[in-house]
Every structure is written in C-alpha cells, then in structure tokens.
Amino acid sequence: MTLNVHWHPEAQDEFRSEIRWYDDREAGLGDRFEGEVVAAVVDSVDAPEAWPPWPDWDREPLVRSKRVAGFPYRVVYFVDNDLLTVVAVAASKRLPGYWRDRIEQ
C-alpha cells in the first residue's frame, strides 16, 4: 500500500521556521535540514511501523517518531488508513509532547 502524506498546518509552519533558522546560521544548512527531514518522512512512508511508538502513548492513533539524520529533531507522525500525517518536526530535547493537542481524540 502506498501512503499519502499530510502535514498538520502547525507542523508545516514549524518546519519552515526551522529551515529559516538554520539558513540564518550558515548558508546551505537550511537546505540540508530540509533534505534530511524530507528523507525521514520518505523513510516513514516506506516503512511506517519501523520506527518506535512515542513513549507512554496509550491511545489511537498510534504515534511514532523517526529521527532526522544529522540534526536533533524527530518527525512525529501517525498513520490512518492510507494517510501518514506529520504532526510535528520536533526538537528532540525541547518541550517533549507539545504537539499532542494536534491529534484529534
């Protein structure tokens, strides 16, 4: 089954913001960050169950996260039928679980 990808609007906004932040630090770093996040999303689409469930997540949908290579971020997502929804591009050590309200209960 091929999964379609949907970005939660707040996840898309934070992703764009982090790209700009990295670009402000060093030319080309934002592009590298963007490429690694996209690669993490593609890996998640290709093998959505390969990445661990979010710690202490005890409800549906099952939320998982995939580390972003070379950066201290995780792509946080869940799969519902044929749709993978990215709910956050979350800094690994900053405010864990801040995105929880983005998932309908």
N, C-alpha and C. Protein backbone atom coordinates (compact mmCIF):
# COMPACT_ATOMS: atom_id res chain seq x y z
N MET A 1 0.84 -1.18 0.00
CA MET A 1 0.00 0.00 0.00
C MET A 1 0.88 1.24 0.00
N THR A 2 0.53 2.18 -0.82
CA THR A 2 1.24 3.45 -0.86
C THR A 2 0.52 4.45 0.03
N LEU A 3 1.28 5.10 0.90
CA LEU A 3 0.70 6.10 1.79
C LEU A 3 0.82 7.49 1.20
N ASN A 4 -0.22 8.26 1.36
CA ASN A 4 -0.18 9.68 1.05
C ASN A 4 0.30 10.41 2.30
N VAL A 5 0.88 11.58 2.11
CA VAL A 5 1.40 12.36 3.24
C VAL A 5 0.59 13.63 3.40
N HIS A 6 0.22 13.88 4.64
CA HIS A 6 -0.46 15.13 5.01
C HIS A 6 0.34 15.78 6.13
N TRP A 7 0.57 17.06 6.02
CA TRP A 7 1.27 17.81 7.07
C TRP A 7 0.25 18.59 7.87
N HIS A 8 0.25 18.40 9.16
CA HIS A 8 -0.56 19.26 10.03
C HIS A 8 -0.06 20.69 9.78
N PRO A 9 -0.95 21.68 9.68
CA PRO A 9 -0.51 23.05 9.39
C PRO A 9 0.55 23.59 10.35
N GLU A 10 0.42 23.27 11.63
CA GLU A 10 1.42 23.75 12.59
C GLU A 10 2.76 23.04 12.39
N ALA A 11 2.73 21.78 11.98
CA ALA A 11 3.98 21.07 11.70
C ALA A 11 4.66 21.68 10.49
N GLN A 12 3.89 22.02 9.49
CA GLN A 12 4.45 22.64 8.29
C GLN A 12 5.04 24.01 8.62
N ASP A 13 4.36 24.78 9.45
CA ASP A 13 4.87 26.09 9.86
C ASP A 13 6.18 25.96 10.64
N GLU A 14 6.23 25.03 11.59
CA GLU A 14 7.46 24.89 12.37
C GLU A 14 8.60 24.38 11.50
N PHE A 15 8.31 23.52 10.55
CA PHE A 15 9.33 23.02 9.62
C PHE A 15 9.93 24.19 8.83
N ARG A 16 9.08 25.02 8.28
CA ARG A 16 9.57 26.18 7.53
C ARG A 16 10.38 27.13 8.42
N SER A 17 9.91 27.31 9.64
CA SER A 17 10.61 28.19 10.58
C SER A 17 12.00 27.65 10.90
N GLU A 18 12.11 26.35 11.10
CA GLU A 18 13.42 25.75 11.41
C GLU A 18 14.36 25.82 10.21
N ILE A 19 13.82 25.67 9.01
CA ILE A 19 14.65 25.82 7.81
C ILE A 19 15.26 27.22 7.79
N ARG A 20 14.43 28.24 8.03
CA ARG A 20 14.92 29.63 8.06
C ARG A 20 15.96 29.81 9.17
N TRP A 21 15.70 29.23 10.34
CA TRP A 21 16.62 29.36 11.46
C TRP A 21 17.99 28.80 11.09
N TYR A 22 18.01 27.62 10.48
CA TYR A 22 19.28 27.03 10.08
C TYR A 22 19.94 27.85 8.97
N ASP A 23 19.17 28.38 8.04
CA ASP A 23 19.74 29.23 6.98
C ASP A 23 20.39 30.47 7.56
N ASP A 24 19.80 31.03 8.60
CA ASP A 24 20.38 32.21 9.24
C ASP A 24 21.71 31.89 9.92
N ARG A 25 21.93 30.65 10.30
CA ARG A 25 23.16 30.26 10.98
C ARG A 25 24.30 30.03 10.00
N GLU A 26 23.97 29.41 8.87
CA GLU A 26 25.02 29.06 7.89
C GLU A 26 24.36 28.83 6.53
N ALA A 27 24.91 29.43 5.50
CA ALA A 27 24.37 29.26 4.15
C ALA A 27 24.33 27.78 3.78
N GLY A 28 23.20 27.34 3.30
CA GLY A 28 23.04 25.96 2.87
C GLY A 28 22.61 24.99 3.95
N LEU A 29 22.72 25.39 5.21
CA LEU A 29 22.36 24.49 6.30
C LEU A 29 20.85 24.24 6.33
N GLY A 30 20.07 25.27 6.00
CA GLY A 30 18.62 25.09 5.93
C GLY A 30 18.23 24.08 4.86
N ASP A 31 18.91 24.13 3.72
CA ASP A 31 18.65 23.16 2.65
C ASP A 31 18.98 21.74 3.11
N ARG A 32 20.10 21.62 3.83
CA ARG A 32 20.47 20.29 4.33
C ARG A 32 19.45 19.77 5.33
N PHE A 33 19.01 20.65 6.24
CA PHE A 33 17.98 20.27 7.21
C PHE A 33 16.71 19.85 6.49
N GLU A 34 16.28 20.64 5.53
CA GLU A 34 15.07 20.32 4.76
C GLU A 34 15.19 18.95 4.10
N GLY A 35 16.33 18.68 3.49
CA GLY A 35 16.54 17.39 2.82
C GLY A 35 16.48 16.22 3.79
N GLU A 36 17.06 16.40 4.97
CA GLU A 36 17.06 15.31 5.95
C GLU A 36 15.66 15.07 6.53
N VAL A 37 14.89 16.13 6.72
CA VAL A 37 13.50 15.97 7.20
C VAL A 37 12.68 15.25 6.14
N VAL A 38 12.82 15.68 4.89
CA VAL A 38 12.09 15.02 3.80
C VAL A 38 12.50 13.55 3.72
N ALA A 39 13.78 13.26 3.86
CA ALA A 39 14.24 11.86 3.84
C ALA A 39 13.61 11.06 4.99
N ALA A 40 13.49 11.67 6.17
CA ALA A 40 12.86 10.98 7.30
C ALA A 40 11.39 10.71 7.02
N VAL A 41 10.71 11.64 6.37
CA VAL A 41 9.31 11.44 6.02
C VAL A 41 9.20 10.31 4.99
N VAL A 42 10.06 10.32 3.98
CA VAL A 42 10.05 9.26 2.96
C VAL A 42 10.31 7.89 3.60
N ASP A 43 11.28 7.83 4.51
CA ASP A 43 11.55 6.57 5.21
C ASP A 43 10.31 6.11 5.99
N SER A 44 9.62 7.06 6.60
CA SER A 44 8.42 6.74 7.38
C SER A 44 7.30 6.24 6.48
N VAL A 45 7.19 6.80 5.30
CA VAL A 45 6.18 6.33 4.33
C VAL A 45 6.53 4.92 3.86
N ASP A 46 7.82 4.70 3.60
CA ASP A 46 8.25 3.40 3.09
C ASP A 46 8.11 2.29 4.13
N ALA A 47 8.28 2.61 5.40
CA ALA A 47 8.22 1.60 6.46
C ALA A 47 7.62 2.23 7.72
N PRO A 48 6.34 2.53 7.70
CA PRO A 48 5.74 3.31 8.79
C PRO A 48 5.80 2.65 10.17
N GLU A 49 5.89 1.34 10.22
CA GLU A 49 5.92 0.67 11.52
C GLU A 49 7.34 0.39 12.00
N ALA A 50 8.34 0.82 11.23
CA ALA A 50 9.73 0.56 11.60
C ALA A 50 10.22 1.44 12.74
N TRP A 51 9.57 2.53 12.98
CA TRP A 51 10.02 3.49 13.98
C TRP A 51 9.21 3.33 15.25
N PRO A 52 9.83 3.61 16.37
CA PRO A 52 9.18 3.29 17.65
C PRO A 52 7.96 4.17 17.95
N PRO A 53 6.99 3.58 18.64
CA PRO A 53 5.86 4.40 19.12
C PRO A 53 6.38 5.45 20.10
N TRP A 54 5.65 6.53 20.19
CA TRP A 54 6.01 7.59 21.13
C TRP A 54 5.90 7.03 22.54
N PRO A 55 6.90 7.28 23.39
CA PRO A 55 6.86 6.76 24.77
C PRO A 55 5.59 7.18 25.51
N ASP A 56 5.01 6.24 26.20
CA ASP A 56 3.81 6.46 27.03
C ASP A 56 2.58 6.89 26.24
N TRP A 57 2.59 6.67 24.93
CA TRP A 57 1.40 6.99 24.12
C TRP A 57 0.48 5.78 24.20
N ASP A 58 -0.72 5.96 24.75
CA ASP A 58 -1.59 4.81 25.02
C ASP A 58 -2.96 4.92 24.36
N ARG A 59 -3.02 5.61 23.24
CA ARG A 59 -4.32 5.73 22.56
C ARG A 59 -4.12 5.73 21.05
N GLU A 60 -5.23 5.60 20.37
CA GLU A 60 -5.21 5.63 18.90
C GLU A 60 -5.42 7.05 18.44
N PRO A 61 -4.80 7.46 17.36
CA PRO A 61 -3.89 6.68 16.54
C PRO A 61 -2.54 6.52 17.23
N LEU A 62 -1.85 5.45 16.87
CA LEU A 62 -0.53 5.19 17.42
C LEU A 62 0.46 6.17 16.81
N VAL A 63 1.09 6.97 17.65
CA VAL A 63 2.03 7.99 17.19
C VAL A 63 3.44 7.41 17.25
N ARG A 64 4.20 7.66 16.20
CA ARG A 64 5.58 7.20 16.10
C ARG A 64 6.47 8.38 15.77
N SER A 65 7.78 8.16 15.89
CA SER A 65 8.70 9.23 15.50
C SER A 65 9.93 8.64 14.85
N LYS A 66 10.45 9.38 13.91
CA LYS A 66 11.67 8.99 13.16
C LYS A 66 12.69 10.09 13.35
N ARG A 67 13.90 9.71 13.77
CA ARG A 67 14.98 10.68 13.96
C ARG A 67 15.39 11.30 12.61
N VAL A 68 15.71 12.58 12.65
CA VAL A 68 16.21 13.29 11.48
C VAL A 68 17.74 13.19 11.51
N ALA A 69 18.32 12.58 10.51
CA ALA A 69 19.77 12.35 10.47
C ALA A 69 20.53 13.69 10.51
N GLY A 70 21.52 13.75 11.40
CA GLY A 70 22.40 14.90 11.45
C GLY A 70 21.87 16.11 12.20
N PHE A 71 20.64 16.03 12.71
CA PHE A 71 20.02 17.16 13.41
C PHE A 71 19.28 16.63 14.64
N PRO A 72 19.17 17.45 15.67
CA PRO A 72 18.49 16.98 16.90
C PRO A 72 16.97 17.14 16.82
N TYR A 73 16.37 16.51 15.82
CA TYR A 73 14.93 16.60 15.58
C TYR A 73 14.36 15.22 15.31
N ARG A 74 13.05 15.13 15.49
CA ARG A 74 12.31 13.92 15.14
C ARG A 74 11.09 14.33 14.33
N VAL A 75 10.76 13.51 13.34
CA VAL A 75 9.49 13.67 12.62
C VAL A 75 8.48 12.83 13.39
N VAL A 76 7.43 13.47 13.88
CA VAL A 76 6.39 12.80 14.67
C VAL A 76 5.19 12.61 13.75
N TYR A 77 4.68 11.38 13.68
CA TYR A 77 3.62 11.08 12.71
C TYR A 77 2.72 9.96 13.22
N PHE A 78 1.58 9.83 12.52
CA PHE A 78 0.74 8.66 12.71
C PHE A 78 0.16 8.28 11.37
N VAL A 79 -0.30 7.03 11.27
CA VAL A 79 -0.89 6.52 10.04
C VAL A 79 -2.34 6.15 10.32
N ASP A 80 -3.20 6.60 9.43
CA ASP A 80 -4.62 6.25 9.49
C ASP A 80 -5.03 5.86 8.08
N ASN A 81 -5.37 4.58 7.92
CA ASN A 81 -5.67 4.01 6.60
C ASN A 81 -4.49 4.24 5.67
N ASP A 82 -4.67 4.99 4.58
CA ASP A 82 -3.58 5.20 3.62
C ASP A 82 -2.96 6.59 3.74
N LEU A 83 -3.10 7.21 4.90
CA LEU A 83 -2.61 8.57 5.10
C LEU A 83 -1.63 8.64 6.27
N LEU A 84 -0.42 9.11 5.99
CA LEU A 84 0.57 9.38 7.03
C LEU A 84 0.49 10.87 7.33
N THR A 85 0.19 11.20 8.57
CA THR A 85 0.08 12.61 8.97
C THR A 85 1.28 12.99 9.82
N VAL A 86 2.01 14.01 9.36
CA VAL A 86 3.13 14.55 10.12
C VAL A 86 2.54 15.59 11.08
N VAL A 87 2.68 15.33 12.38
CA VAL A 87 2.11 16.25 13.37
C VAL A 87 3.15 17.20 13.95
N ALA A 88 4.46 16.89 13.77
CA ALA A 88 5.49 17.78 14.29
C ALA A 88 6.84 17.45 13.68
N VAL A 89 7.65 18.49 13.56
CA VAL A 89 9.08 18.35 13.35
C VAL A 89 9.65 18.90 14.64
N ALA A 90 9.88 18.00 15.58
CA ALA A 90 10.11 18.37 16.98
C ALA A 90 11.57 18.27 17.36
N ALA A 91 12.06 19.33 17.99
CA ALA A 91 13.41 19.29 18.56
C ALA A 91 13.42 18.20 19.64
N SER A 92 14.43 17.37 19.60
CA SER A 92 14.48 16.19 20.47
C SER A 92 14.43 16.50 21.96
N LYS A 93 14.99 17.60 22.38
CA LYS A 93 15.10 17.89 23.81
C LYS A 93 14.21 19.05 24.27
N ARG A 94 13.45 19.65 23.37
CA ARG A 94 12.68 20.83 23.70
C ARG A 94 11.19 20.49 23.82
N LEU A 95 10.62 20.67 24.97
CA LEU A 95 9.18 20.51 25.20
C LEU A 95 8.61 19.21 24.63
N PRO A 96 9.04 18.05 25.11
CA PRO A 96 8.52 16.79 24.58
C PRO A 96 6.99 16.74 24.67
N GLY A 97 6.38 16.31 23.58
CA GLY A 97 4.93 16.13 23.56
C GLY A 97 4.11 17.39 23.39
N TYR A 98 4.74 18.52 23.08
CA TYR A 98 3.99 19.78 22.91
C TYR A 98 2.94 19.70 21.81
N TRP A 99 3.09 18.77 20.91
CA TRP A 99 2.24 18.62 19.74
C TRP A 99 1.00 17.75 20.00
N ARG A 100 0.85 17.22 21.20
CA ARG A 100 -0.23 16.27 21.49
C ARG A 100 -1.64 16.80 21.15
N ASP A 101 -1.85 18.08 21.32
CA ASP A 101 -3.18 18.64 21.02
C ASP A 101 -3.46 18.72 19.52
N ARG A 102 -2.49 18.41 18.69
CA ARG A 102 -2.69 18.40 17.24
C ARG A 102 -3.38 17.13 16.76
N ILE A 103 -3.53 16.17 17.65
CA ILE A 103 -4.13 14.90 17.28
C ILE A 103 -5.53 14.86 17.89
N GLU A 104 -6.51 14.70 17.02
CA GLU A 104 -7.90 14.66 17.49
C GLU A 104 -8.12 13.41 18.33
N GLN A 105 -8.90 13.58 19.37
CA GLN A 105 -9.18 12.43 20.24
C GLN A 105 -10.51 11.82 19.91
